[in-house]
């Protein structure tokens, strides 16, 4: 009877391995998977600019075990020392791929293709890698065409998990944290500094906002961010724009008076009245241009010509004429608008924020604000060391942020 013999492969990993925690997670993974390792060479970077490099041999009980460990190590930024051409097979039909396909992460990825390491374009989560004459690129499953060459193994693939920022800049100070109420003031101070820096440097700030921004009284503060040029793209659902219009027309949100927090007489239908007014005007832009809509978040968005997308859902009333009800079209529009993003603010909109997070490369900084700690943790823990979670009422947070940017309560940050 044949007996399986131990098998091994040699892996290399390099970067800021120690202070980013990559080395510890990599070695822990090997042990947790029941494998063994031997460090063959280890060079420790001595400065902020000098990377570390480790070479190690991983030994497993059999080939199947080694394949499983290899796939997981690659996700941690390891790659095999000896590599050959990346494995690929043709897609059998439109919208389908071979069973062995490699599923991408949101980390920067390279494949060894045509004799050299090539960066995969359009990096995003939950896609496949298609090879072509111009190189390699991520593609959604639905966009695959019959005959496309699909990467079908983790061999000859290397992934680059983001490293924690070693600098002492504002965002670097709070990277990778989930802040509670007692540290919101500090988070606001550093985020204000980052937004001011981004505006000066010509960065691209994307805001993903839910209707709670309006419900919690954060509308005027968010309007200020838009008006002063701190928001370059708005992504939301139908509800944000609806309740923003309701607040602008009637001073209510979900029928509650925004000044008193009490139900207003007959105000349960105000959101439908708001939808009707915008539909009569033809669109949000036309409502602004004709003077029907004279205040609010969407008013400032239109006035400053900030690109936006409202993605529809099964819950929508109306919806507004601006809302994209075809979900595939909405996804594609979101994806096009976040290109070049340098910072994404996720403001009490779990589902839309998850969707955007899946489209983003992991080296894009994100800040998630929500009153629910579970939501904050879920959105901050997306494989990025540049993700900050802040547990706070979004209305309170936005008001504090706007005040800080105005220079209240402390020195100017801009």
Protein backbone atom coordinates (compact mmCIF):
# COMPACT_ATOMS: atom_id res chain seq x y z
CA UNK A 1 0.00 0.00 0.00
CA UNK A 2 1.36 3.42 -0.99
CA UNK A 3 2.20 5.73 1.89
CA UNK A 4 2.06 9.50 1.53
CA UNK A 5 5.39 11.17 2.15
CA UNK A 6 5.91 14.68 3.48
CA UNK A 7 6.23 17.31 0.76
CA UNK A 8 7.55 20.84 0.95
CA UNK A 9 7.82 24.13 -0.92
CA UNK A 10 9.95 27.22 -0.39
CA UNK A 11 8.20 30.57 0.01
CA UNK A 12 9.35 34.17 0.07
CA UNK A 13 7.69 37.19 1.67
CA UNK A 14 8.95 40.74 1.85
CA UNK A 15 7.82 44.12 3.13
CA UNK A 16 7.30 45.61 6.58
CA UNK A 17 6.59 42.13 7.92
CA UNK A 18 7.10 42.68 11.64
CA UNK A 19 5.31 45.91 12.53
CA UNK A 20 2.46 45.11 10.14
CA UNK A 21 1.86 41.79 11.90
CA UNK A 22 2.20 39.89 8.61
CA UNK A 23 5.01 37.65 9.85
CA UNK A 24 3.14 36.57 12.98
CA UNK A 25 -0.09 35.86 11.10
CA UNK A 26 1.82 33.90 8.45
CA UNK A 27 3.65 31.66 10.95
CA UNK A 28 0.50 31.19 13.05
CA UNK A 29 -1.36 30.09 9.93
CA UNK A 30 1.20 27.39 9.16
CA UNK A 31 0.93 25.95 12.68
CA UNK A 32 -2.88 26.19 12.76
CA UNK A 33 -3.02 24.27 9.47
CA UNK A 34 -1.00 21.42 10.98
CA UNK A 35 2.06 22.09 8.83
CA UNK A 36 5.67 22.75 9.78
CA UNK A 37 8.22 25.32 8.67
CA UNK A 38 11.90 26.12 8.73
CA UNK A 39 13.23 29.65 8.27
CA UNK A 40 16.00 29.47 5.67
CA UNK A 41 16.87 33.17 5.57
CA UNK A 42 15.58 36.29 7.32
CA UNK A 43 16.68 39.88 6.71
CA UNK A 44 15.15 42.46 9.04
CA UNK A 45 14.68 45.99 7.71
CA UNK A 46 16.33 48.50 10.05
CA UNK A 47 14.64 51.70 8.86
CA UNK A 48 11.14 52.85 7.93
CA UNK A 49 12.05 52.60 4.26
CA UNK A 50 13.94 49.29 4.34
CA UNK A 51 11.70 46.20 3.96
CA UNK A 52 12.26 42.86 5.64
CA UNK A 53 12.56 39.62 3.67
CA UNK A 54 12.00 36.06 4.81
CA UNK A 55 12.54 32.78 3.02
CA UNK A 56 11.04 29.67 4.58
CA UNK A 57 10.39 26.05 3.73
CA UNK A 58 6.89 24.77 4.50
CA UNK A 59 6.42 21.03 5.00
CA UNK A 60 3.05 19.24 4.84
CA UNK A 61 1.86 15.66 5.14
CA UNK A 62 0.87 15.30 1.47
CA UNK A 63 0.39 17.25 -1.75
CA UNK A 64 -3.27 18.05 -1.12
CA UNK A 65 -2.43 19.45 2.30
CA UNK A 66 0.38 21.54 0.81
CA UNK A 67 -1.92 22.95 -1.89
CA UNK A 68 -4.38 24.06 0.77
CA UNK A 69 -1.68 25.74 2.87
CA UNK A 70 -0.13 27.33 -0.22
CA UNK A 71 -3.40 29.00 -1.20
CA UNK A 72 -3.78 30.51 2.28
CA UNK A 73 -0.16 31.64 2.49
CA UNK A 74 -0.48 33.48 -0.82
CA UNK A 75 -3.35 35.50 0.65
CA UNK A 76 -0.88 36.57 3.40
CA UNK A 77 1.59 37.89 0.85
CA UNK A 78 3.84 34.85 0.39
CA UNK A 79 4.89 33.56 -3.01
CA UNK A 80 6.80 30.51 -4.12
CA UNK A 81 10.51 31.03 -4.66
CA UNK A 82 10.51 28.90 -7.79
CA UNK A 83 7.67 29.88 -10.10
CA UNK A 84 6.52 28.89 -13.54
CA UNK A 85 3.90 30.26 -15.89
CA UNK A 86 0.57 30.89 -14.17
CA UNK A 87 -1.98 28.12 -14.77
CA UNK A 88 -4.97 29.09 -16.92
CA UNK A 89 -7.83 27.43 -18.79
CA UNK A 90 -10.43 28.79 -21.22
CA UNK A 91 -13.89 29.80 -20.03
CA UNK A 92 -16.36 27.18 -21.33
CA UNK A 93 -19.18 29.69 -21.98
CA UNK A 94 -20.22 33.27 -21.38
CA UNK A 95 -20.58 34.02 -17.67
CA UNK A 96 -18.94 30.76 -16.55
CA UNK A 97 -15.40 29.67 -15.64
CA UNK A 98 -13.61 26.38 -14.91
CA UNK A 99 -14.20 24.96 -11.43
CA UNK A 100 -10.55 25.51 -10.47
CA UNK A 101 -10.73 29.31 -10.97
CA UNK A 102 -8.74 31.61 -8.68
CA UNK A 103 -11.01 33.99 -6.73
CA UNK A 104 -9.44 37.38 -6.09
CA UNK A 105 -9.07 39.36 -2.87
CA UNK A 106 -9.07 43.15 -2.68
CA UNK A 107 -5.27 43.19 -2.23
CA UNK A 108 -2.89 44.22 -5.00
CA UNK A 109 -2.06 41.06 -6.96
CA UNK A 110 0.53 39.95 -9.50
CA UNK A 111 0.68 36.83 -11.69
CA UNK A 112 3.72 35.30 -13.37
CA UNK A 113 2.68 35.52 -17.00
CA UNK A 114 4.78 35.34 -20.16
CA UNK A 115 8.03 35.18 -18.24
CA UNK A 116 7.57 38.02 -15.74
CA UNK A 117 5.50 39.19 -12.79
CA UNK A 118 2.62 41.34 -14.04
CA UNK A 119 0.26 43.42 -11.93
CA UNK A 120 -3.42 42.54 -12.21
CA UNK A 121 -5.46 45.55 -13.35
CA UNK A 122 -8.77 46.61 -11.82
CA UNK A 123 -8.11 44.88 -8.49
CA UNK A 124 -11.27 44.06 -6.55
CA UNK A 125 -12.72 41.33 -4.36
CA UNK A 126 -14.61 38.25 -5.60
CA UNK A 127 -13.55 38.43 -9.23
CA UNK A 128 -11.60 36.15 -11.55
CA UNK A 129 -8.34 36.96 -13.35
CA UNK A 130 -8.43 37.02 -17.14
CA UNK A 131 -5.19 36.81 -19.15
CA UNK A 132 -4.77 38.58 -22.46
CA UNK A 133 -2.30 40.21 -24.81
CA UNK A 134 -2.18 43.34 -22.65
CA UNK A 135 -1.60 41.44 -19.39
CA UNK A 136 -3.97 40.36 -16.61
CA UNK A 137 -7.13 41.96 -15.22
CA UNK A 138 -9.90 41.30 -12.71
CA UNK A 139 -13.29 40.61 -14.21
CA UNK A 140 -16.69 39.91 -12.68
CA UNK A 141 -18.02 36.44 -13.39
CA UNK A 142 -20.95 37.85 -15.35
CA UNK A 143 -18.53 39.67 -17.70
CA UNK A 144 -16.49 36.59 -18.66
CA UNK A 145 -16.78 35.52 -22.30
CA UNK A 146 -16.33 32.05 -23.77
CA UNK A 147 -12.68 31.34 -24.50
CA UNK A 148 -11.26 33.92 -22.05
CA UNK A 149 -8.10 32.56 -20.38
CA UNK A 150 -8.95 32.25 -16.68
CA UNK A 151 -6.30 31.88 -13.95
CA UNK A 152 -7.08 28.53 -12.34
CA UNK A 153 -4.57 28.07 -9.51
CA UNK A 154 -2.94 30.08 -6.74
CA UNK A 155 0.44 28.93 -8.07
CA UNK A 156 2.45 31.76 -9.64
CA UNK A 157 0.15 34.30 -7.99
CA UNK A 158 1.40 36.72 -5.37
CA UNK A 159 -0.67 39.02 -3.21
CA UNK A 160 0.41 42.19 -1.40
CA UNK A 161 -1.58 42.76 1.80
CA UNK A 162 -1.45 46.46 2.79
CA UNK A 163 1.02 47.40 5.48
CA UNK A 164 0.21 49.68 8.37
CA UNK A 165 1.37 53.20 7.76
CA UNK A 166 4.66 53.78 9.54
CA UNK A 167 4.38 57.57 9.33
CA UNK A 168 2.85 59.74 12.03
CA UNK A 169 0.34 61.54 9.81
CA UNK A 170 -3.23 62.01 10.96
CA UNK A 171 -4.77 58.99 9.30
CA UNK A 172 -1.78 56.78 10.07
CA UNK A 173 -2.28 57.57 13.75
CA UNK A 174 -5.72 56.01 13.84
CA UNK A 175 -5.39 53.31 11.16
CA UNK A 176 -6.74 49.88 11.95
CA UNK A 177 -8.74 50.94 15.00
CA UNK A 178 -12.38 50.77 16.08
CA UNK A 179 -13.00 53.84 18.21
CA UNK A 180 -15.70 54.08 20.89
CA UNK A 181 -17.59 57.19 21.98
CA UNK A 182 -14.83 58.29 24.37
CA UNK A 183 -12.37 58.63 21.47
CA UNK A 184 -14.70 60.17 18.87
CA UNK A 185 -13.33 63.64 19.54
CA UNK A 186 -9.80 62.46 18.74
CA UNK A 187 -11.00 60.63 15.62
CA UNK A 188 -12.83 63.76 14.46
CA UNK A 189 -9.70 65.86 14.89
CA UNK A 190 -7.56 63.50 12.82
CA UNK A 191 -10.19 62.93 10.14
CA UNK A 192 -10.67 66.68 9.78
CA UNK A 193 -6.93 67.05 9.25
CA UNK A 194 -6.98 64.25 6.66
CA UNK A 195 -9.90 65.80 4.77
CA UNK A 196 -8.19 69.18 4.73
CA UNK A 197 -4.98 67.59 3.50
CA UNK A 198 -6.87 65.64 0.84
CA UNK A 199 -8.59 68.78 -0.45
CA UNK A 200 -5.26 70.61 -0.73
CA UNK A 201 -3.60 67.65 -2.48
CA UNK A 202 -6.44 67.07 -4.94
CA UNK A 203 -7.45 63.72 -3.44
CA UNK A 204 -10.73 61.99 -4.25
CA UNK A 205 -13.05 61.55 -1.24
CA UNK A 206 -16.06 59.27 -1.73
CA UNK A 207 -18.97 59.39 0.73
CA UNK A 208 -21.29 56.39 1.07
CA UNK A 209 -24.25 57.70 3.05
CA UNK A 210 -27.46 56.23 4.42
CA UNK A 211 -30.73 58.00 5.31
CA UNK A 212 -29.74 57.94 8.99
CA UNK A 213 -27.54 60.92 8.14
CA UNK A 214 -30.79 62.89 7.72
CA UNK A 215 -32.76 61.13 10.48
CA UNK A 216 -30.00 61.86 13.03
CA UNK A 217 -29.82 65.54 12.14
CA UNK A 218 -26.53 65.32 10.28
CA UNK A 219 -27.89 66.82 7.06
CA UNK A 220 -26.71 70.42 7.54
CA UNK A 221 -23.21 69.26 8.55
CA UNK A 222 -22.99 66.98 5.52
CA UNK A 223 -24.18 69.85 3.34
CA UNK A 224 -21.26 71.88 4.67
CA UNK A 225 -18.78 69.15 3.72
CA UNK A 226 -20.16 69.09 0.18
CA UNK A 227 -20.36 72.86 -0.16
CA UNK A 228 -16.75 73.36 1.00
CA UNK A 229 -15.34 70.75 -1.36
CA UNK A 230 -14.59 67.93 1.08
CA UNK A 231 -16.77 65.40 -0.81
CA UNK A 232 -15.96 64.49 -4.42
CA UNK A 233 -18.45 61.63 -4.99
CA UNK A 234 -21.71 60.62 -3.28
CA UNK A 235 -22.95 57.02 -3.33
CA UNK A 236 -26.27 56.23 -1.68
CA UNK A 237 -29.64 54.62 -2.04
CA UNK A 238 -32.99 56.13 -2.93
CA UNK A 239 -33.81 56.72 0.76
CA UNK A 240 -31.06 59.27 1.48
CA UNK A 241 -32.24 61.56 -1.32
CA UNK A 242 -35.92 61.04 -0.44
CA UNK A 243 -35.57 61.97 3.23
CA UNK A 244 -33.17 64.77 2.37
CA UNK A 245 -35.88 66.23 0.11
CA UNK A 246 -38.50 65.62 2.82
CA UNK A 247 -36.35 67.56 5.29
CA UNK A 248 -35.83 70.39 2.78
CA UNK A 249 -39.53 70.70 1.92
CA UNK A 250 -41.20 69.98 5.26
CA UNK A 251 -38.57 69.97 8.02
CA UNK A 252 -39.32 66.33 8.81
CA UNK A 253 -37.66 62.96 8.30
CA UNK A 254 -39.77 59.80 8.45
CA UNK A 255 -42.53 62.13 9.64
CA UNK A 256 -40.58 63.35 12.69
CA UNK A 257 -39.96 67.07 13.15
CA UNK A 258 -36.16 67.46 12.95
CA UNK A 259 -36.19 70.33 15.46
CA UNK A 260 -38.25 68.65 18.19
CA UNK A 261 -37.94 64.95 17.39
CA UNK A 262 -41.72 64.61 17.70
CA UNK A 263 -44.21 63.35 15.10
CA UNK A 264 -45.67 66.16 13.03
CA UNK A 265 -49.39 66.13 12.21
CA UNK A 266 -50.04 64.24 8.98
CA UNK A 267 -46.31 64.00 8.33
CA UNK A 268 -46.32 60.24 7.75
CA UNK A 269 -46.93 61.00 4.07
CA UNK A 270 -44.28 63.70 3.76
CA UNK A 271 -41.69 61.45 2.15
CA UNK A 272 -44.21 60.52 -0.57
CA UNK A 273 -45.04 64.19 -1.07
CA UNK A 274 -41.32 64.87 -1.45
CA UNK A 275 -40.94 62.10 -4.03
CA UNK A 276 -43.91 63.47 -5.94
CA UNK A 277 -42.48 67.00 -6.07
CA UNK A 278 -39.16 65.74 -7.49
CA UNK A 279 -40.94 63.52 -10.00
CA UNK A 280 -43.10 66.44 -11.15
CA UNK A 281 -39.92 68.47 -11.65
CA UNK A 282 -38.44 65.60 -13.68
CA UNK A 283 -35.26 64.97 -11.66
CA UNK A 284 -33.34 66.26 -8.68
CA UNK A 285 -31.19 68.42 -10.96
CA UNK A 286 -34.26 69.96 -12.61
CA UNK A 287 -35.81 70.55 -9.19
CA UNK A 288 -32.72 72.53 -8.19
CA UNK A 289 -32.48 74.41 -11.48
CA UNK A 290 -36.15 75.45 -11.38
CA UNK A 291 -36.04 76.50 -7.73
CA UNK A 292 -38.31 73.71 -6.49
CA UNK A 293 -35.53 72.30 -4.26
CA UNK A 294 -33.66 75.09 -2.50
CA UNK A 295 -31.69 73.37 0.28
CA UNK A 296 -30.39 70.03 1.47
CA UNK A 297 -27.64 67.55 0.68
CA UNK A 298 -28.78 66.84 -2.88
CA UNK A 299 -29.19 70.58 -3.49
CA UNK A 300 -25.51 71.11 -2.61
CA UNK A 301 -24.48 68.03 -4.62
CA UNK A 302 -26.17 69.41 -7.73
CA UNK A 303 -24.92 72.97 -7.21
CA UNK A 304 -21.29 71.83 -6.88
CA UNK A 305 -21.71 69.30 -9.71
CA UNK A 306 -20.54 66.43 -7.48
CA UNK A 307 -21.02 63.06 -9.26
CA UNK A 308 -23.55 60.83 -7.49
CA UNK A 309 -25.35 57.54 -7.84
CA UNK A 310 -28.54 56.44 -6.11
CA UNK A 311 -28.89 52.65 -6.17
CA UNK A 312 -32.42 51.28 -5.85
CA UNK A 313 -33.71 48.39 -3.75
CA UNK A 314 -36.90 46.39 -3.29
CA UNK A 315 -37.89 48.66 -0.37
CA UNK A 316 -37.98 51.90 -2.34
CA UNK A 317 -41.02 54.13 -2.52
CA UNK A 318 -41.45 56.02 -5.75
CA UNK A 319 -38.56 55.82 -6.43
CA UNK A 320 -36.99 59.15 -7.36
CA UNK A 321 -36.37 59.56 -11.11
CA UNK A 322 -32.60 59.73 -10.43
CA UNK A 323 -32.54 56.26 -8.81
CA UNK A 324 -31.00 53.44 -10.85
CA UNK A 325 -33.29 50.46 -10.35
CA UNK A 326 -31.26 48.04 -12.48
CA UNK A 327 -28.86 46.59 -9.89
CA UNK A 328 -26.20 45.59 -12.42
CA UNK A 329 -26.20 49.10 -13.85
CA UNK A 330 -26.03 50.57 -10.34
CA UNK A 331 -23.04 48.34 -9.48
CA UNK A 332 -21.24 49.39 -12.63
CA UNK A 333 -21.93 53.06 -11.92
CA UNK A 334 -20.65 52.73 -8.36
CA UNK A 335 -17.50 51.00 -9.63
CA UNK A 336 -16.83 53.72 -12.18
CA UNK A 337 -17.30 56.54 -9.64
CA UNK A 338 -14.93 55.10 -7.03
CA UNK A 339 -12.00 54.85 -9.43
CA UNK A 340 -9.12 56.90 -8.08
CA UNK A 341 -10.64 57.18 -4.60
CA UNK A 342 -8.10 58.06 -1.91
CA UNK A 343 -10.51 58.06 1.07
CA UNK A 344 -13.99 56.58 1.51
CA UNK A 345 -16.37 57.74 4.25
CA UNK A 346 -18.98 55.08 5.11
CA UNK A 347 -21.75 56.87 6.98
CA UNK A 348 -24.40 54.58 8.52
CA UNK A 349 -25.12 52.61 5.38
CA UNK A 350 -24.11 49.01 5.97
CA UNK A 351 -25.28 47.35 2.75
CA UNK A 352 -24.09 50.05 0.37
CA UNK A 353 -20.81 50.29 2.27
CA UNK A 354 -20.23 46.53 2.02
CA UNK A 355 -20.86 46.75 -1.71
CA UNK A 356 -18.37 49.59 -2.10
CA UNK A 357 -15.84 47.82 0.13
CA UNK A 358 -15.92 44.80 -2.16
CA UNK A 359 -15.12 47.04 -5.14
CA UNK A 360 -12.19 48.85 -3.49
CA UNK A 361 -8.53 47.87 -3.55
CA UNK A 362 -7.40 47.30 0.04
CA UNK A 363 -4.89 50.18 -0.01
CA UNK A 364 -7.70 52.76 -0.14
CA UNK A 365 -8.30 54.33 3.28
CA UNK A 366 -11.81 53.93 4.68
CA UNK A 367 -13.60 55.45 7.67
CA UNK A 368 -16.82 53.80 8.86
CA UNK A 369 -19.19 55.56 11.26
CA UNK A 370 -22.19 53.74 12.76
CA UNK A 371 -23.95 53.57 16.13
CA UNK A 372 -23.91 49.74 15.96
CA UNK A 373 -20.48 48.32 16.96
CA UNK A 374 -21.13 45.11 15.01
CA UNK A 375 -21.60 47.07 11.78
CA UNK A 376 -18.47 49.12 12.41
CA UNK A 377 -16.37 46.02 13.06
CA UNK A 378 -17.72 44.26 9.97
CA UNK A 379 -16.95 47.18 7.70
CA UNK A 380 -13.58 48.06 9.24
CA UNK A 381 -12.39 44.45 9.13
CA UNK A 382 -12.15 44.15 5.35
CA UNK A 383 -8.52 43.11 5.02
CA UNK A 384 -7.23 46.66 5.06
CA UNK A 385 -4.90 48.18 7.62
CA UNK A 386 -6.15 51.58 6.45
CA UNK A 387 -9.70 51.00 7.76
CA UNK A 388 -10.96 52.99 10.74
CA UNK A 389 -14.18 52.19 12.57
CA UNK A 390 -15.90 54.81 14.74
CA UNK A 391 -18.82 53.86 16.99
CA UNK A 392 -20.95 56.99 17.15
CA UNK A 393 -24.27 58.55 16.26
CA UNK A 394 -23.60 59.71 12.71
CA UNK A 395 -25.43 63.01 13.23
CA UNK A 396 -23.30 63.87 16.24
CA UNK A 397 -20.16 62.80 14.40
CA UNK A 398 -20.86 64.88 11.29
CA UNK A 399 -21.71 67.96 13.35
CA UNK A 400 -18.46 67.60 15.29
CA UNK A 401 -16.52 67.08 12.07
CA UNK A 402 -18.04 70.14 10.39
CA UNK A 403 -17.35 72.25 13.48
CA UNK A 404 -13.75 71.07 13.51
CA UNK A 405 -13.31 71.91 9.85
CA UNK A 406 -14.75 75.37 10.51
CA UNK A 407 -12.06 75.81 13.14
CA UNK A 408 -14.30 75.66 16.21
CA UNK A 409 -13.15 74.08 19.44
CA UNK A 410 -9.47 74.20 18.52
CA UNK A 411 -6.94 75.41 16.00
CA UNK A 412 -7.72 75.32 12.29
CA UNK A 413 -6.87 72.00 10.63
CA UNK A 414 -6.86 73.36 7.11
